Amino acid sequence: MTDVIHEFSMEMSCEGCCAAAKRVLGEIGVDGDAVVTNLETKTVIVTTDASVEKLLEALKKTGNEIQYIGVKE
């Protein structure tokens, strides 16, 4: 499969929230270099061939509110 760039909106209040997103995505095999978090815009960008459902399921483990925005061009 080809990697796709997914964008998520995630309620984050600190760098710990950003680290949690990277940690839970790492648990499902997403390389840390493939995850870009932005505390200011409260977004998580993930480049992977994993399904949106799998990504959402992992990100929900952070306990933060998460919403899928869509595929970035």
Protein backbone atom coordinates (compact mmCIF):
# COMPACT_ATOMS: atom_id res chain seq x y z
CA MET A 1 0.00 0.00 0.00
CA THR A 2 1.01 3.59 -0.53
CA ASP A 3 1.47 5.96 2.37
CA VAL A 4 -1.26 8.57 2.78
CA ILE A 5 -1.03 11.83 4.75
CA HIS A 6 -3.88 12.01 7.29
CA GLU A 7 -4.78 15.07 9.34
CA PHE A 8 -6.47 14.92 12.73
CA SER A 9 -7.69 17.60 15.10
CA MET A 10 -6.76 16.68 18.67
CA GLU A 11 -7.42 18.57 21.88
CA MET A 12 -3.89 19.11 23.23
CA SER A 13 -2.81 21.37 26.08
CA CYS A 14 0.89 20.54 26.47
CA GLU A 15 3.91 18.79 24.98
CA GLY A 16 2.92 15.71 26.97
CA CYS A 17 -0.23 15.44 24.84
CA CYS A 18 1.92 15.61 21.70
CA ALA A 19 4.21 12.90 23.06
CA ALA A 20 1.20 10.73 23.93
CA ALA A 21 -0.04 10.92 20.34
CA LYS A 22 3.36 9.78 19.04
CA ARG A 23 3.54 7.02 21.67
CA VAL A 24 0.15 5.45 20.89
CA LEU A 25 0.78 5.65 17.14
CA GLY A 26 4.17 4.01 17.69
CA GLU A 27 2.39 1.14 19.45
CA ILE A 28 0.60 0.32 16.18
CA GLY A 29 3.79 0.53 14.15
CA VAL A 30 3.74 4.13 12.92
CA ASP A 31 7.31 5.47 12.91
CA GLY A 32 7.81 8.59 15.02
CA ASP A 33 9.22 10.42 11.99
CA ALA A 34 5.86 9.88 10.26
CA VAL A 35 3.98 11.81 12.97
CA VAL A 36 3.97 15.61 13.16
CA THR A 37 2.15 17.22 16.09
CA ASN A 38 1.39 20.92 16.35
CA LEU A 39 0.34 22.15 19.78
CA GLU A 40 -0.53 25.63 18.47
CA THR A 41 -2.98 24.39 15.81
CA LYS A 42 -3.92 21.27 17.79
CA THR A 43 -3.31 19.01 14.81
CA VAL A 44 -1.66 15.64 14.27
CA ILE A 45 -0.38 14.79 10.78
CA VAL A 46 0.34 11.11 10.15
CA THR A 47 1.98 9.67 7.03
CA THR A 48 1.21 5.96 6.89
CA ASP A 49 -0.52 3.17 5.03
CA ALA A 50 -2.56 2.30 8.16
CA SER A 51 -6.33 2.73 7.98
CA VAL A 52 -8.07 5.78 9.40
CA GLU A 53 -10.01 3.51 11.75
CA LYS A 54 -6.79 2.05 13.17
CA LEU A 55 -5.28 5.52 13.60
CA LEU A 56 -8.40 6.88 15.33
CA GLU A 57 -8.55 3.88 17.63
CA ALA A 58 -4.94 4.44 18.66
CA LEU A 59 -5.28 8.21 19.12
CA LYS A 60 -8.39 7.76 21.29
CA LYS A 61 -6.15 5.94 23.79
CA THR A 62 -4.61 9.33 24.66
CA GLY A 63 -7.89 10.28 26.34
CA ASN A 64 -8.00 13.49 24.32
CA GLU A 65 -10.83 14.51 22.02
CA ILE A 66 -9.88 13.52 18.47
CA GLN A 67 -11.48 14.17 15.09
CA TYR A 68 -10.44 13.09 11.61
CA ILE A 69 -10.10 16.09 9.27
CA GLY A 70 -9.14 14.24 6.11
CA VAL A 71 -6.41 13.43 3.66
CA LYS A 72 -3.86 16.15 3.00
CA GLU A 73 -2.80 16.70 -0.59
